[in-house]
């Protein structure tokens, strides 16, 4: 994790240069005053949405806890919404467009699934089960295949047998 932090300062510098470049290009296309108003309006909208998304995330989390459901989906959806509103609130056209995209339901759903996968990969399966609930898996019956060795070619995947799947929950 700490190795990735060394890329943060250059990434922020690159983002600042990108934001300035886009602002200058938009300013030349529509005028400087219109570009400033556009950035101001996007930031104001982001601040309004930041409050709304925060309250929405909190209500979703509380509803999941009160109904004794795993809160992971509501938490990740809330985090994606808050990130979108925060990006929209930041002054800049690139961050505003990125934030606006994260608030569009299909993009938000994709981002939520991505955040959930990353979170599941970083925590133990017990914690992931507590956060996101049991995952349904499909187990196919058949002879176990040994892992491929250095001289052994990888086994060819067998086509699934219809009706032979066992659905269950991973318990560790």
Protein backbone atom coordinates (compact mmCIF):
# COMPACT_ATOMS: atom_id res chain seq x y z
CA UNK A 1 0.00 0.00 0.00
CA UNK A 2 2.76 2.45 0.91
CA UNK A 3 4.54 1.84 -2.36
CA UNK A 4 1.51 3.20 -4.19
CA UNK A 5 1.59 6.41 -2.16
CA UNK A 6 4.73 7.59 -3.93
CA UNK A 7 2.64 8.09 -7.07
CA UNK A 8 0.18 10.45 -5.38
CA UNK A 9 2.18 13.73 -5.73
CA UNK A 10 2.95 13.22 -9.45
CA UNK A 11 -0.67 12.16 -10.08
CA UNK A 12 -1.97 15.30 -8.34
CA UNK A 13 0.40 17.46 -10.37
CA UNK A 14 -0.71 15.76 -13.58
CA UNK A 15 -4.36 16.25 -12.59
CA UNK A 16 -3.76 19.97 -11.93
CA UNK A 17 -2.10 20.39 -15.34
CA UNK A 18 -4.94 18.48 -17.00
CA UNK A 19 -7.58 20.62 -15.22
CA UNK A 20 -5.84 23.86 -16.30
CA UNK A 21 -5.46 22.66 -19.87
CA UNK A 22 -9.12 21.68 -20.13
CA UNK A 23 -10.21 24.96 -18.51
CA UNK A 24 -8.15 26.98 -21.01
CA UNK A 25 -9.52 24.98 -23.95
CA UNK A 26 -13.12 25.35 -22.75
CA UNK A 27 -12.50 29.03 -22.00
CA UNK A 28 -11.30 29.59 -25.55
CA UNK A 29 -14.30 27.72 -26.95
CA UNK A 30 -17.11 29.28 -24.92
CA UNK A 31 -15.45 32.29 -23.32
CA UNK A 32 -13.65 32.82 -20.04
CA UNK A 33 -16.72 34.05 -18.13
CA UNK A 34 -18.84 31.10 -19.22
CA UNK A 35 -16.07 28.67 -18.23
CA UNK A 36 -15.80 30.25 -14.77
CA UNK A 37 -19.59 30.08 -14.35
CA UNK A 38 -19.57 26.45 -15.45
CA UNK A 39 -16.93 25.54 -12.86
CA UNK A 40 -18.76 27.53 -10.18
CA UNK A 41 -22.12 25.92 -10.99
CA UNK A 42 -20.61 22.42 -10.97
CA UNK A 43 -18.97 23.06 -7.60
CA UNK A 44 -22.19 24.40 -6.13
CA UNK A 45 -24.12 21.39 -7.42
CA UNK A 46 -21.44 19.12 -5.95
CA UNK A 47 -21.79 20.74 -2.52
CA UNK A 48 -25.57 20.27 -2.59
CA UNK A 49 -25.20 16.66 -3.73
CA UNK A 50 -22.50 16.00 -1.14
CA UNK A 51 -24.98 16.62 1.65
CA UNK A 52 -27.71 14.62 -0.08
CA UNK A 53 -25.44 11.65 -0.84
CA UNK A 54 -24.07 11.67 2.70
CA UNK A 55 -27.56 11.54 4.17
CA UNK A 56 -28.59 8.86 1.67
CA UNK A 57 -25.56 6.72 2.54
CA UNK A 58 -26.20 7.10 6.27
CA UNK A 59 -29.90 6.17 5.90
CA UNK A 60 -29.00 3.12 3.79
CA UNK A 61 -26.42 1.99 6.32
CA UNK A 62 -28.82 2.43 9.25
CA UNK A 63 -31.62 0.61 7.41
CA UNK A 64 -29.32 -2.34 6.70
CA UNK A 65 -28.14 -2.52 10.30
CA UNK A 66 -31.67 -2.23 11.70
CA UNK A 67 -32.94 -4.99 9.42
CA UNK A 68 -29.90 -7.11 10.36
CA UNK A 69 -28.67 -7.22 6.76
CA UNK A 70 -24.99 -6.95 5.80
CA UNK A 71 -24.32 -3.22 5.26
CA UNK A 72 -21.56 -3.64 2.67
CA UNK A 73 -23.61 -2.86 -0.41
CA UNK A 74 -25.08 0.30 1.11
CA UNK A 75 -21.65 1.38 2.36
CA UNK A 76 -19.97 0.90 -1.02
CA UNK A 77 -22.85 2.57 -2.85
CA UNK A 78 -22.68 5.46 -0.40
CA UNK A 79 -18.92 5.76 -0.82
CA UNK A 80 -19.22 5.88 -4.60
CA UNK A 81 -21.96 8.52 -4.35
CA UNK A 82 -19.92 10.58 -1.90
CA UNK A 83 -16.86 10.33 -4.13
CA UNK A 84 -18.91 11.46 -7.12
CA UNK A 85 -20.33 14.43 -5.21
CA UNK A 86 -16.89 15.32 -3.84
CA UNK A 87 -15.34 15.24 -7.30
CA UNK A 88 -18.17 17.41 -8.56
CA UNK A 89 -17.64 19.85 -5.68
CA UNK A 90 -13.92 20.23 -6.45
CA UNK A 91 -13.27 23.18 -8.75
CA UNK A 92 -12.41 21.80 -12.15
CA UNK A 93 -14.04 20.54 -15.29
CA UNK A 94 -12.36 17.13 -15.47
CA UNK A 95 -13.13 16.33 -11.83
CA UNK A 96 -16.68 17.65 -12.33
CA UNK A 97 -17.34 15.41 -15.30
CA UNK A 98 -15.81 12.44 -13.45
CA UNK A 99 -17.99 13.11 -10.42
CA UNK A 100 -21.08 13.53 -12.56
CA UNK A 101 -20.38 10.19 -14.25
CA UNK A 102 -20.11 8.47 -10.86
CA UNK A 103 -23.61 9.72 -10.03
CA UNK A 104 -25.17 8.17 -13.15
CA UNK A 105 -26.81 4.89 -12.00
CA UNK A 106 -25.18 2.42 -14.47
CA UNK A 107 -21.71 3.87 -13.93
CA UNK A 108 -22.32 4.03 -10.20
CA UNK A 109 -23.32 0.35 -10.18
CA UNK A 110 -20.13 -0.61 -12.02
CA UNK A 111 -18.01 1.45 -9.64
CA UNK A 112 -19.79 -0.08 -6.63
CA UNK A 113 -19.08 -3.59 -7.90
CA UNK A 114 -15.43 -2.64 -8.45
CA UNK A 115 -15.11 -1.17 -4.95
CA UNK A 116 -16.76 -4.26 -3.49
CA UNK A 117 -14.35 -6.58 -5.33
CA UNK A 118 -11.35 -4.60 -4.13
CA UNK A 119 -12.67 -4.61 -0.56
CA UNK A 120 -13.38 -8.35 -0.66
CA UNK A 121 -9.85 -8.97 -1.92
CA UNK A 122 -8.27 -6.94 0.89
CA UNK A 123 -10.12 -8.43 3.86
CA UNK A 124 -10.55 -11.98 5.08
CA UNK A 125 -13.44 -14.02 3.76
CA UNK A 126 -15.08 -13.90 7.19
CA UNK A 127 -15.06 -10.09 7.25
CA UNK A 128 -16.18 -9.96 3.61
CA UNK A 129 -19.08 -12.27 4.46
CA UNK A 130 -20.05 -10.06 7.40
CA UNK A 131 -19.89 -6.94 5.23
CA UNK A 132 -21.42 -8.14 1.97
CA UNK A 133 -23.33 -11.24 3.03
CA UNK A 134 -22.83 -14.78 1.87
CA UNK A 135 -21.75 -15.19 -1.69
CA UNK A 136 -23.48 -17.78 -3.81
CA UNK A 137 -21.03 -20.02 -5.56
CA UNK A 138 -21.45 -22.83 -8.02
CA UNK A 139 -19.56 -26.03 -7.40
CA UNK A 140 -19.37 -28.57 -10.18
CA UNK A 141 -19.00 -32.23 -9.41
CA UNK A 142 -16.30 -34.10 -11.17
CA UNK A 143 -12.91 -35.63 -10.70
CA UNK A 144 -10.47 -33.20 -9.12
CA UNK A 145 -7.80 -32.08 -11.53
CA UNK A 146 -4.23 -31.67 -10.32
CA UNK A 147 -2.66 -28.24 -10.79
CA UNK A 148 -0.53 -28.01 -13.93
CA UNK A 149 3.13 -28.81 -13.31
CA UNK A 150 6.13 -27.38 -15.14
CA UNK A 151 6.00 -30.07 -17.88
CA UNK A 152 2.28 -30.71 -17.70
CA UNK A 153 -0.03 -28.75 -20.02
CA UNK A 154 -2.99 -27.02 -18.44
CA UNK A 155 -6.11 -29.23 -18.47
CA UNK A 156 -8.84 -28.31 -20.86
CA UNK A 157 -11.96 -26.96 -19.13
CA UNK A 158 -14.91 -29.32 -19.16
CA UNK A 159 -18.25 -27.96 -20.34
CA UNK A 160 -20.64 -27.59 -17.43
CA UNK A 161 -23.19 -30.33 -16.94
CA UNK A 162 -26.68 -28.88 -16.81
CA UNK A 163 -28.49 -29.50 -13.55
CA UNK A 164 -25.37 -30.66 -11.73
CA UNK A 165 -24.49 -27.39 -9.94
CA UNK A 166 -24.58 -27.20 -6.17
CA UNK A 167 -25.32 -23.76 -4.80
CA UNK A 168 -23.93 -22.90 -1.41
CA UNK A 169 -22.12 -20.46 0.80
CA UNK A 170 -18.39 -20.25 1.45
CA UNK A 171 -17.79 -20.79 5.16
CA UNK A 172 -14.34 -20.68 6.65
